[in-house]
Amino acid sequence: MPRDLTDAIQQYASRKGLQVRETLGSGIHGQVQMVQGDAVLGGTALKVYFEEVFFRRELAVYERLKEAGVRELLGFAVPQLIRADDELLALEMTVVERPFILDFAGAYLDQDAPQFDDAVWETWEADKRETFGLHWPEVEAVLTTLKRYGIHMLDVNPGNVAFGD
């Protein structure tokens, strides 16, 4: 049974002097809340994870992008890591507007994605082509750019690679 994230969200907010605002999203890896403090104009996003493995993956990706000075990729905004809490499995980051790329919990760093046979990859790509339609070449270019940073992103959907239209 997944852990209850409400307590971790409240603990993080209390420790950092933040107020918990609206939910920005939730999924298989965790939950994202808007948090706000007196010194934080507009608020930040707090993502708390069910499992440590996904917290570690996403933290490593955001640290890699931060070290490289990446704030955007091919016109897609990338959230900036503000701070992390290893105990609570929490990342605080900037909130970004469309177009954006986010949610790297399912990404692999410095290694190829899991080895699938050609038929699986063909099905994956056909599904993404259908999902993104005319935008697929742009998404493909973003994925190729991420690979240059050693980031292999498989969880690609309109919720984490979002266009302005």
N, C-alpha and C. Protein backbone atom coordinates (compact mmCIF):
# COMPACT_ATOMS: atom_id res chain seq x y z
N MET A 1 0.85 -1.19 0.00
CA MET A 1 0.00 0.00 0.00
C MET A 1 0.89 1.25 0.00
N PRO A 2 0.66 2.18 -0.93
CA PRO A 2 1.49 3.40 -0.99
C PRO A 2 1.33 4.23 0.28
N ARG A 3 2.40 4.93 0.60
CA ARG A 3 2.35 5.77 1.79
C ARG A 3 1.43 6.97 1.58
N ASP A 4 0.87 7.50 2.65
CA ASP A 4 0.02 8.68 2.60
C ASP A 4 0.92 9.90 2.44
N LEU A 5 0.74 10.63 1.40
CA LEU A 5 1.62 11.77 1.11
C LEU A 5 1.19 13.05 1.82
N THR A 6 -0.04 13.10 2.31
CA THR A 6 -0.55 14.31 2.95
C THR A 6 0.33 14.73 4.12
N ASP A 7 0.73 13.77 4.94
CA ASP A 7 1.57 14.07 6.10
C ASP A 7 2.93 14.62 5.67
N ALA A 8 3.54 14.02 4.67
CA ALA A 8 4.84 14.49 4.18
C ALA A 8 4.73 15.90 3.62
N ILE A 9 3.67 16.19 2.91
CA ILE A 9 3.44 17.53 2.35
C ILE A 9 3.33 18.54 3.49
N GLN A 10 2.54 18.22 4.48
CA GLN A 10 2.36 19.14 5.62
C GLN A 10 3.65 19.33 6.40
N GLN A 11 4.40 18.25 6.61
CA GLN A 11 5.67 18.35 7.34
C GLN A 11 6.65 19.24 6.59
N TYR A 12 6.76 19.04 5.28
CA TYR A 12 7.68 19.85 4.48
C TYR A 12 7.29 21.32 4.57
N ALA A 13 6.03 21.61 4.37
CA ALA A 13 5.55 22.99 4.41
C ALA A 13 5.83 23.62 5.77
N SER A 14 5.58 22.88 6.82
CA SER A 14 5.82 23.39 8.17
C SER A 14 7.30 23.68 8.40
N ARG A 15 8.16 22.77 7.99
CA ARG A 15 9.61 22.94 8.16
C ARG A 15 10.15 24.15 7.40
N LYS A 16 9.56 24.44 6.27
CA LYS A 16 10.06 25.52 5.41
C LYS A 16 9.26 26.80 5.55
N GLY A 17 8.25 26.83 6.41
CA GLY A 17 7.43 28.03 6.59
C GLY A 17 6.58 28.34 5.39
N LEU A 18 6.04 27.31 4.76
CA LEU A 18 5.23 27.46 3.56
C LEU A 18 3.77 27.13 3.84
N GLN A 19 2.90 27.66 3.01
CA GLN A 19 1.48 27.34 3.06
C GLN A 19 1.17 26.42 1.88
N VAL A 20 0.42 25.37 2.13
CA VAL A 20 0.02 24.45 1.07
C VAL A 20 -1.19 25.04 0.35
N ARG A 21 -1.08 25.13 -0.95
CA ARG A 21 -2.16 25.66 -1.79
C ARG A 21 -2.79 24.51 -2.59
N GLU A 22 -3.19 24.77 -3.80
CA GLU A 22 -3.92 23.79 -4.59
C GLU A 22 -3.02 22.66 -5.08
N THR A 23 -3.67 21.54 -5.39
CA THR A 23 -2.99 20.40 -5.98
C THR A 23 -2.73 20.71 -7.45
N LEU A 24 -1.50 20.52 -7.88
CA LEU A 24 -1.15 20.75 -9.28
C LEU A 24 -1.25 19.47 -10.09
N GLY A 25 -1.12 18.33 -9.42
CA GLY A 25 -1.21 17.06 -10.13
C GLY A 25 -0.89 15.90 -9.22
N SER A 26 -1.25 14.72 -9.69
CA SER A 26 -0.91 13.50 -8.98
C SER A 26 -0.83 12.38 -9.99
N GLY A 27 -0.09 11.35 -9.61
CA GLY A 27 0.08 10.24 -10.53
C GLY A 27 0.68 9.04 -9.84
N ILE A 28 1.24 8.16 -10.63
CA ILE A 28 1.75 6.90 -10.08
C ILE A 28 2.99 7.09 -9.21
N HIS A 29 3.72 8.20 -9.40
CA HIS A 29 4.95 8.42 -8.61
C HIS A 29 4.72 9.26 -7.37
N GLY A 30 3.67 10.07 -7.34
CA GLY A 30 3.46 10.93 -6.18
C GLY A 30 2.44 12.01 -6.44
N GLN A 31 2.61 13.11 -5.72
CA GLN A 31 1.66 14.22 -5.78
C GLN A 31 2.42 15.53 -5.84
N VAL A 32 1.86 16.49 -6.56
CA VAL A 32 2.46 17.82 -6.69
C VAL A 32 1.49 18.85 -6.14
N GLN A 33 1.97 19.66 -5.20
CA GLN A 33 1.17 20.73 -4.57
C GLN A 33 1.83 22.07 -4.84
N MET A 34 1.02 23.08 -4.98
CA MET A 34 1.53 24.45 -4.99
C MET A 34 1.75 24.81 -3.53
N VAL A 35 2.92 25.38 -3.22
CA VAL A 35 3.19 25.87 -1.88
C VAL A 35 3.64 27.32 -2.01
N GLN A 36 3.42 28.09 -0.93
CA GLN A 36 3.76 29.50 -1.00
C GLN A 36 4.20 29.98 0.37
N GLY A 37 5.21 30.83 0.37
CA GLY A 37 5.70 31.47 1.58
C GLY A 37 5.83 32.96 1.34
N ASP A 38 6.05 33.72 2.37
CA ASP A 38 6.16 35.17 2.24
C ASP A 38 7.22 35.59 1.23
N ALA A 39 8.33 34.87 1.20
CA ALA A 39 9.43 35.24 0.32
C ALA A 39 9.32 34.60 -1.06
N VAL A 40 8.29 33.80 -1.26
CA VAL A 40 8.15 33.08 -2.52
C VAL A 40 6.96 33.65 -3.29
N LEU A 41 7.23 34.60 -4.16
CA LEU A 41 6.15 35.20 -4.94
C LEU A 41 5.63 34.21 -5.97
N GLY A 42 4.34 34.03 -6.02
CA GLY A 42 3.75 33.15 -7.00
C GLY A 42 3.76 31.68 -6.63
N GLY A 43 4.54 31.30 -5.66
CA GLY A 43 4.56 29.92 -5.19
C GLY A 43 5.52 29.04 -5.96
N THR A 44 5.71 27.88 -5.40
CA THR A 44 6.57 26.87 -6.00
C THR A 44 5.82 25.55 -6.01
N ALA A 45 6.35 24.59 -6.74
CA ALA A 45 5.75 23.26 -6.81
C ALA A 45 6.49 22.33 -5.86
N LEU A 46 5.76 21.61 -5.06
CA LEU A 46 6.31 20.62 -4.15
C LEU A 46 5.85 19.26 -4.61
N LYS A 47 6.81 18.41 -4.98
CA LYS A 47 6.47 17.05 -5.41
C LYS A 47 6.96 16.09 -4.34
N VAL A 48 6.04 15.26 -3.84
CA VAL A 48 6.35 14.26 -2.83
C VAL A 48 6.07 12.89 -3.44
N TYR A 49 6.97 11.95 -3.21
CA TYR A 49 6.96 10.66 -3.89
C TYR A 49 6.50 9.52 -3.00
N PHE A 50 5.91 8.53 -3.62
CA PHE A 50 5.54 7.31 -2.92
C PHE A 50 6.78 6.46 -2.61
N GLU A 51 7.72 6.41 -3.56
CA GLU A 51 8.88 5.53 -3.43
C GLU A 51 10.18 6.29 -3.64
N GLU A 52 11.19 5.90 -2.90
CA GLU A 52 12.49 6.57 -2.96
C GLU A 52 13.14 6.48 -4.34
N VAL A 53 12.99 5.37 -5.03
CA VAL A 53 13.65 5.19 -6.32
C VAL A 53 13.25 6.29 -7.30
N PHE A 54 11.98 6.68 -7.30
CA PHE A 54 11.51 7.70 -8.24
C PHE A 54 11.95 9.09 -7.79
N PHE A 55 11.97 9.32 -6.49
CA PHE A 55 12.52 10.57 -5.94
C PHE A 55 13.98 10.71 -6.37
N ARG A 56 14.78 9.67 -6.19
CA ARG A 56 16.22 9.72 -6.54
C ARG A 56 16.42 9.96 -8.03
N ARG A 57 15.62 9.28 -8.86
CA ARG A 57 15.75 9.46 -10.32
C ARG A 57 15.49 10.91 -10.71
N GLU A 58 14.38 11.45 -10.22
CA GLU A 58 14.01 12.81 -10.62
C GLU A 58 14.99 13.83 -10.05
N LEU A 59 15.41 13.64 -8.82
CA LEU A 59 16.40 14.54 -8.22
C LEU A 59 17.67 14.54 -9.04
N ALA A 60 18.15 13.38 -9.45
CA ALA A 60 19.38 13.29 -10.24
C ALA A 60 19.24 14.02 -11.58
N VAL A 61 18.07 13.90 -12.21
CA VAL A 61 17.85 14.58 -13.49
C VAL A 61 17.85 16.10 -13.28
N TYR A 62 17.11 16.57 -12.29
CA TYR A 62 17.07 18.01 -12.06
C TYR A 62 18.43 18.56 -11.65
N GLU A 63 19.21 17.81 -10.90
CA GLU A 63 20.56 18.25 -10.55
C GLU A 63 21.44 18.32 -11.80
N ARG A 64 21.31 17.35 -12.69
CA ARG A 64 22.08 17.34 -13.94
C ARG A 64 21.72 18.56 -14.78
N LEU A 65 20.43 18.83 -14.92
CA LEU A 65 19.99 19.97 -15.72
C LEU A 65 20.42 21.29 -15.08
N LYS A 66 20.37 21.36 -13.76
CA LYS A 66 20.80 22.57 -13.05
C LYS A 66 22.29 22.82 -13.25
N GLU A 67 23.11 21.77 -13.11
CA GLU A 67 24.56 21.89 -13.32
C GLU A 67 24.88 22.37 -14.73
N ALA A 68 24.07 21.94 -15.69
CA ALA A 68 24.29 22.33 -17.09
C ALA A 68 23.68 23.69 -17.41
N GLY A 69 22.98 24.29 -16.45
CA GLY A 69 22.37 25.60 -16.68
C GLY A 69 21.15 25.56 -17.58
N VAL A 70 20.51 24.41 -17.66
CA VAL A 70 19.35 24.25 -18.55
C VAL A 70 18.09 24.81 -17.87
N ARG A 71 17.53 25.82 -18.49
CA ARG A 71 16.27 26.41 -18.03
C ARG A 71 15.15 26.13 -19.03
N GLU A 72 15.57 25.81 -20.24
CA GLU A 72 14.61 25.45 -21.29
C GLU A 72 15.30 24.56 -22.30
N LEU A 73 14.50 23.77 -22.99
CA LEU A 73 14.99 22.88 -24.05
C LEU A 73 14.14 23.12 -25.29
N LEU A 74 14.77 23.64 -26.32
CA LEU A 74 14.08 23.85 -27.60
C LEU A 74 12.77 24.61 -27.43
N GLY A 75 12.76 25.58 -26.53
CA GLY A 75 11.57 26.40 -26.31
C GLY A 75 10.63 25.87 -25.24
N PHE A 76 10.92 24.73 -24.66
CA PHE A 76 10.11 24.16 -23.58
C PHE A 76 10.75 24.53 -22.25
N ALA A 77 9.97 25.17 -21.36
CA ALA A 77 10.47 25.53 -20.03
C ALA A 77 10.72 24.27 -19.22
N VAL A 78 11.78 24.30 -18.42
CA VAL A 78 12.13 23.19 -17.52
C VAL A 78 12.10 23.73 -16.09
N PRO A 79 11.35 23.08 -15.19
CA PRO A 79 11.35 23.54 -13.80
C PRO A 79 12.76 23.57 -13.23
N GLN A 80 13.01 24.52 -12.34
CA GLN A 80 14.32 24.64 -11.69
C GLN A 80 14.22 24.09 -10.27
N LEU A 81 15.15 23.22 -9.93
CA LEU A 81 15.20 22.65 -8.60
C LEU A 81 15.54 23.74 -7.58
N ILE A 82 14.75 23.85 -6.53
CA ILE A 82 15.01 24.80 -5.46
C ILE A 82 15.70 24.10 -4.29
N ARG A 83 15.09 23.01 -3.82
CA ARG A 83 15.68 22.23 -2.73
C ARG A 83 15.00 20.88 -2.67
N ALA A 84 15.66 19.96 -1.93
CA ALA A 84 15.15 18.61 -1.79
C ALA A 84 15.20 18.20 -0.32
N ASP A 85 14.34 17.27 0.04
CA ASP A 85 14.32 16.72 1.38
C ASP A 85 14.35 15.20 1.26
N ASP A 86 15.51 14.62 1.58
CA ASP A 86 15.70 13.17 1.45
C ASP A 86 14.79 12.37 2.38
N GLU A 87 14.55 12.88 3.56
CA GLU A 87 13.72 12.17 4.54
C GLU A 87 12.27 12.10 4.08
N LEU A 88 11.74 13.21 3.59
CA LEU A 88 10.34 13.27 3.18
C LEU A 88 10.11 12.88 1.72
N LEU A 89 11.20 12.60 1.00
CA LEU A 89 11.13 12.28 -0.43
C LEU A 89 10.40 13.39 -1.17
N ALA A 90 10.90 14.62 -1.00
CA ALA A 90 10.23 15.80 -1.54
C ALA A 90 11.19 16.66 -2.34
N LEU A 91 10.71 17.16 -3.47
CA LEU A 91 11.45 18.13 -4.29
C LEU A 91 10.61 19.39 -4.38
N GLU A 92 11.26 20.52 -4.20
CA GLU A 92 10.60 21.81 -4.42
C GLU A 92 11.23 22.43 -5.65
N MET A 93 10.41 22.89 -6.55
CA MET A 93 10.91 23.45 -7.81
C MET A 93 10.03 24.60 -8.27
N THR A 94 10.53 25.32 -9.25
CA THR A 94 9.76 26.42 -9.80
C THR A 94 8.56 25.88 -10.58
N VAL A 95 7.55 26.73 -10.69
CA VAL A 95 6.38 26.42 -11.50
C VAL A 95 6.65 26.99 -12.89
N VAL A 96 6.34 26.22 -13.91
CA VAL A 96 6.58 26.66 -15.29
C VAL A 96 5.26 26.76 -16.04
N GLU A 97 5.27 27.59 -17.05
CA GLU A 97 4.12 27.78 -17.93
C GLU A 97 4.35 27.01 -19.23
N ARG A 98 3.27 26.69 -19.90
CA ARG A 98 3.36 26.04 -21.21
C ARG A 98 4.07 26.96 -22.20
N PRO A 99 4.81 26.40 -23.09
CA PRO A 99 5.17 25.00 -23.26
C PRO A 99 6.23 24.58 -22.23
N PHE A 100 6.11 23.34 -21.74
CA PHE A 100 7.05 22.86 -20.74
C PHE A 100 7.34 21.38 -20.91
N ILE A 101 8.41 20.96 -20.25
CA ILE A 101 8.75 19.55 -20.11
C ILE A 101 9.06 19.33 -18.63
N LEU A 102 8.44 18.31 -18.06
CA LEU A 102 8.64 18.02 -16.64
C LEU A 102 8.34 16.55 -16.36
N ASP A 103 8.46 16.18 -15.11
CA ASP A 103 8.21 14.83 -14.62
C ASP A 103 9.24 13.84 -15.15
N PHE A 104 10.37 13.82 -14.48
CA PHE A 104 11.47 12.93 -14.86
C PHE A 104 11.60 11.74 -13.93
N ALA A 105 10.56 11.43 -13.15
CA ALA A 105 10.64 10.32 -12.19
C ALA A 105 10.83 8.98 -12.89
N GLY A 106 10.35 8.86 -14.11
CA GLY A 106 10.50 7.62 -14.85
C GLY A 106 11.68 7.62 -15.81
N ALA A 107 12.51 8.66 -15.75
CA ALA A 107 13.66 8.76 -16.65
C ALA A 107 14.84 7.95 -16.12
N TYR A 108 15.74 7.63 -17.02
CA TYR A 108 16.97 6.93 -16.68
C TYR A 108 18.13 7.86 -16.95
N LEU A 109 19.08 7.90 -16.04
CA LEU A 109 20.23 8.79 -16.16
C LEU A 109 21.48 7.99 -16.49
N ASP A 110 22.20 8.44 -17.51
CA ASP A 110 23.48 7.85 -17.90
C ASP A 110 23.42 6.38 -18.25
N GLN A 111 22.31 5.93 -18.68
CA GLN A 111 22.21 4.57 -19.19
C GLN A 111 21.10 4.53 -20.21
N ASP A 112 21.19 3.57 -21.07
CA ASP A 112 20.12 3.42 -22.05
C ASP A 112 18.85 2.99 -21.35
N ALA A 113 17.77 3.26 -21.97
CA ALA A 113 16.47 2.83 -21.45
C ALA A 113 16.46 1.30 -21.39
N PRO A 114 15.54 0.74 -20.67
CA PRO A 114 15.45 -0.73 -20.63
C PRO A 114 15.46 -1.30 -22.05
N GLN A 115 16.03 -2.45 -22.18
CA GLN A 115 16.17 -3.08 -23.49
C GLN A 115 14.87 -3.77 -23.89
N PHE A 116 14.24 -3.23 -24.90
CA PHE A 116 13.03 -3.82 -25.44
C PHE A 116 13.32 -4.27 -26.87
N ASP A 117 12.58 -5.24 -27.35
CA ASP A 117 12.80 -5.66 -28.72
C ASP A 117 12.21 -4.63 -29.68
N ASP A 118 12.55 -4.77 -30.93
CA ASP A 118 12.14 -3.79 -31.94
C ASP A 118 10.62 -3.60 -32.00
N ALA A 119 9.87 -4.67 -31.83
CA ALA A 119 8.41 -4.57 -31.91
C ALA A 119 7.86 -3.68 -30.80
N VAL A 120 8.43 -3.78 -29.61
CA VAL A 120 7.98 -2.94 -28.49
C VAL A 120 8.28 -1.48 -28.79
N TRP A 121 9.49 -1.18 -29.28
CA TRP A 121 9.85 0.19 -29.61
C TRP A 121 8.97 0.74 -30.72
N GLU A 122 8.67 -0.09 -31.72
CA GLU A 122 7.80 0.36 -32.82
C GLU A 122 6.40 0.69 -32.30
N THR A 123 5.89 -0.13 -31.39
CA THR A 123 4.57 0.13 -30.80
C THR A 123 4.61 1.40 -29.96
N TRP A 124 5.69 1.58 -29.17
CA TRP A 124 5.84 2.78 -28.34
C TRP A 124 5.84 4.03 -29.22
N GLU A 125 6.65 4.00 -30.28
CA GLU A 125 6.73 5.18 -31.15
C GLU A 125 5.42 5.42 -31.88
N ALA A 126 4.76 4.39 -32.34
CA ALA A 126 3.46 4.56 -33.02
C ALA A 126 2.45 5.19 -32.08
N ASP A 127 2.45 4.75 -30.81
CA ASP A 127 1.56 5.32 -29.81
C ASP A 127 1.87 6.81 -29.60
N LYS A 128 3.14 7.16 -29.50
CA LYS A 128 3.53 8.56 -29.28
C LYS A 128 3.21 9.42 -30.50
N ARG A 129 3.42 8.87 -31.68
CA ARG A 129 3.07 9.61 -32.91
C ARG A 129 1.57 9.93 -32.92
N GLU A 130 0.77 8.95 -32.54
CA GLU A 130 -0.68 9.16 -32.51
C GLU A 130 -1.06 10.16 -31.42
N THR A 131 -0.44 10.03 -30.25
CA THR A 131 -0.75 10.92 -29.14
C THR A 131 -0.41 12.37 -29.45
N PHE A 132 0.77 12.59 -30.02
CA PHE A 132 1.24 13.96 -30.24
C PHE A 132 0.93 14.50 -31.64
N GLY A 133 0.52 13.66 -32.54
CA GLY A 133 0.16 14.11 -33.88
C GLY A 133 1.26 14.91 -34.55
N LEU A 134 0.91 16.09 -35.06
CA LEU A 134 1.88 16.93 -35.77
C LEU A 134 3.02 17.42 -34.88
N HIS A 135 2.84 17.35 -33.57
CA HIS A 135 3.88 17.78 -32.63
C HIS A 135 4.95 16.72 -32.39
N TRP A 136 4.75 15.49 -32.88
CA TRP A 136 5.70 14.42 -32.58
C TRP A 136 7.14 14.76 -32.96
N PRO A 137 7.42 15.36 -34.12
CA PRO A 137 8.82 15.69 -34.43
C PRO A 137 9.46 16.61 -33.38
N GLU A 138 8.69 17.55 -32.82
CA GLU A 138 9.22 18.43 -31.77
C GLU A 138 9.51 17.64 -30.50
N VAL A 139 8.61 16.73 -30.14
CA VAL A 139 8.81 15.90 -28.96
C VAL A 139 10.05 15.02 -29.16
N GLU A 140 10.16 14.45 -30.33
CA GLU A 140 11.32 13.61 -30.65
C GLU A 140 12.62 14.40 -30.53
N ALA A 141 12.61 15.65 -30.97
CA ALA A 141 13.80 16.51 -30.86
C ALA A 141 14.13 16.80 -29.40
N VAL A 142 13.13 17.00 -28.57
CA VAL A 142 13.35 17.22 -27.13
C VAL A 142 13.97 15.97 -26.52
N LEU A 143 13.46 14.80 -26.85
CA LEU A 143 13.99 13.55 -26.31
C LEU A 143 15.44 13.34 -26.73
N THR A 144 15.76 13.67 -27.97
CA THR A 144 17.13 13.57 -28.46
C THR A 144 18.04 14.53 -27.71
N THR A 145 17.57 15.75 -27.46
CA THR A 145 18.35 16.74 -26.71
C THR A 145 18.59 16.26 -25.27
N LEU A 146 17.57 15.70 -24.65
CA LEU A 146 17.74 15.17 -23.29
C LEU A 146 18.81 14.07 -23.26
N LYS A 147 18.83 13.23 -24.29
CA LYS A 147 19.84 12.16 -24.35
C LYS A 147 21.25 12.72 -24.38
N ARG A 148 21.42 13.92 -24.94
CA ARG A 148 22.75 14.55 -24.95
C ARG A 148 23.23 14.88 -23.54
N TYR A 149 22.29 15.02 -22.62
CA TYR A 149 22.61 15.25 -21.21
C TYR A 149 22.63 13.95 -20.42
N GLY A 150 22.49 12.82 -21.11
CA GLY A 150 22.48 11.52 -20.46
C GLY A 150 21.14 11.17 -19.84
N ILE A 151 20.07 11.85 -20.28
CA ILE A 151 18.74 11.63 -19.72
C ILE A 151 17.89 10.89 -20.75
N HIS A 152 17.41 9.73 -20.36
CA HIS A 152 16.58 8.91 -21.24
C HIS A 152 15.17 8.89 -20.68
N MET A 153 14.27 9.59 -21.35
CA MET A 153 12.90 9.76 -20.87
C MET A 153 11.96 8.87 -21.66
N LEU A 154 11.28 7.97 -20.96
CA LEU A 154 10.33 7.06 -21.61
C LEU A 154 8.88 7.47 -21.37
N ASP A 155 8.63 8.07 -20.21
CA ASP A 155 7.26 8.47 -19.85
C ASP A 155 6.95 9.80 -20.52
N VAL A 156 6.51 9.69 -21.75
CA VAL A 156 6.26 10.87 -22.58
C VAL A 156 4.77 10.94 -22.87
N ASN A 157 4.13 12.00 -22.36
CA ASN A 157 2.71 12.19 -22.59
C ASN A 157 2.41 13.69 -22.57
N PRO A 158 1.24 14.10 -23.02
CA PRO A 158 0.92 15.54 -23.07
C PRO A 158 0.88 16.22 -21.69
N GLY A 159 0.89 15.45 -20.62
CA GLY A 159 0.95 16.05 -19.29
C GLY A 159 2.36 16.46 -18.90
N ASN A 160 3.37 15.84 -19.50
CA ASN A 160 4.74 16.21 -19.13
C ASN A 160 5.56 16.78 -20.28
N VAL A 161 5.05 16.74 -21.48
CA VAL A 161 5.61 17.49 -22.60
C VAL A 161 4.41 18.24 -23.19
N ALA A 162 4.22 19.47 -22.70
CA ALA A 162 3.02 20.22 -23.03
C ALA A 162 3.34 21.41 -23.93
N PHE A 163 2.53 21.59 -24.92
CA PHE A 163 2.70 22.67 -25.88
C PHE A 163 1.85 23.87 -25.45
N GLY A 164 2.15 25.02 -26.04
CA GLY A 164 1.44 26.25 -25.70
C GLY A 164 0.05 26.33 -26.27
N ASP A 165 -0.23 25.52 -27.29
CA ASP A 165 -1.57 25.58 -27.93
C ASP A 165 -2.57 24.67 -27.31
